[in-house]
Amino acid sequence: MYKFKRQPRAKQLEAFEKCKDSRNFALLQRMRTGKSKIVLDKGCYLYTLGRVNAIVIIAPNGVHSKWAKEDVPKDVPDFVDHKVAVWRSGNKKAIEECERLLTPGPFLRILCVNIEALSMDNSPAEKFVQKFLNATDALMAVDESHTIGNPDAKRTKRVCKLGDKAAYKMIATGTLTGGDVFKIYSQFMFLDPDILGQSYLSFKHTYADLLPADHPTMQAILRRGARFTPAIVATDATGRKMWKNLDKLKEVIAPHSFTCRLEDCTDLPPTIYAKHLYELESKQRKIFDELMTKARVELGDESCTVTHKLTMELRLQQVLSGFLPSDTEDTMISLFDTPEKNPRVKALLTLLDSFEEEGEQAIIWCRFVPEIKILQQVLGDKCFIMYGAVKNREELKDRFMAGERPYMVMNVAVGGTGLDYSGVYNMIYYSTDDNFFNRDQSEARPLHVGQTRSLLITDIEAEDVETDKKKLFRTDRKRELSEEFMDL
């Protein structure tokens, strides 16, 4: 019997027993249910049997280093001689440590690579992972595998091609679909093409009602010179995408998967959702209404492209946040002389007053970098900030969790994945998009096994404005589809 370094919880043990000997397996488990432990337990188990001598972890930037820093020390047993290295593009010392993993010897090699490093053609990371896989018998695991949910993306194709060289393969994600059934395809193709056993086009026709070629939308796309007729999912009267045969799809992937919610592992108190409304300032309202009128006209035009529709939505939300629309997010111009005059900022400060009275910490999520910089100006030394250009993210997180400052202001796309904020019970979405992956991942950052207090999530929303409401509505629908595949 395999000896664990940490005794797994009941659900972790159940997952381990189901996946330990499988060549290809999907851990479709919600955040905080211990997916990384199961991957490492399986890798070490296979190593003790002589089936593998390496583990390759592919994960989002920052998450990949967490595997080496936190997960490996916790879950690789002392009796397993091992070495771990983290790929850091352009860092000579880190790359040399990765190269040393190829030194001959009886030890388990653990290589952690950020998936972003595989985005470029002929990247050093891709070349090294390929060399590493050629030289070893490896278990290759893609953490947050929804990042390879687009079959047409070059990064997805590279990861799948690299996976062909691995002896065992795993994917791990708590958001398999993100509201789009088509994202399932490439994740399971990475594991084994035989699981789904059909082409991508066939997969689309099997599991979605597609718009016919004579539909006005399809005709408009063809008139714009499209070389091929795209496969677009039809929607019902409420705008809900029309998927089909989902029970059949669940039956296909169930033998190769394990699902688990956090509430399956613990008596998790319910998350509380709230809204904090504010009124637009008169000048802001006028600009917004004029832009909305223009948007209705342009969005009603059949020739309006998807890209243009997204741009119009982006501009509307910029105005709601107190900025004049511009071509780039980093050069937006404020509608207000001082940040304190911005009604959205005022709404946030009102919320924070109540937290300060109770001595509470809060995480504040923003969509736009200029918002983060404005809030840094307003909150001063009461907050840490985190967005793409910030490098020392784990250090800032540790300082925040140590109580140095009451607020952490972050970009959802950057801070919403991988970092652990267990013990923080207040989150505010200052602004949001309708990217379900970002929302779902970020909401789960504070949740943890043994939690006894409810998490309070507050959305700041402009009163009598549909733009914010629609984003939350679309996110709720995607959440419903995601939950559909948590019962296999």
Foldseek 3Di string as FASTA:
>chain_A
DDDKLDDAFPQLVVVLVLPLPPQFFEEQEAPFNDPLLSLLSSQLVCLVVVQWQEEEEEEAPPLLVCCVVPVCVRIRDPVAAEDEAEDDPPDPVRVVSLVCLLPDDSHRYYYGYYLVQLQDPPGPVLVSLLVVLQSIAYEYEYEQLLVLLDPPRPSLVSLLVSLVSHRGYYYYHNQQALLHPSSVQSSVVSRPCVLVVDDSVVVLVVWADWDDCPPLLQVLVVVVPDPDRDTHFDADPVRRGGTDPVVVVLVSCVSRYAFYYPCNRAVDDAAAEAEQEWAFDPVLVVVLVVLVVVLVVLVVDSNRDPVNNVLSLVQSVCSLQAWHDDPDLVPTHGNDPAPCVGRLVVSVVVVVVVCVVVVAAEEEEEATPVSQVNVCVVCPQQEAEDDDVDDPVVVRLVCVLVPSHRYYYYYLVTPLPNAANAPHQEYEYSDDALRLVSVSSNVCRHDHHPDDDHRYYYYYDYPPDCSRVVSVVSNVSSVVVSVVSSPD
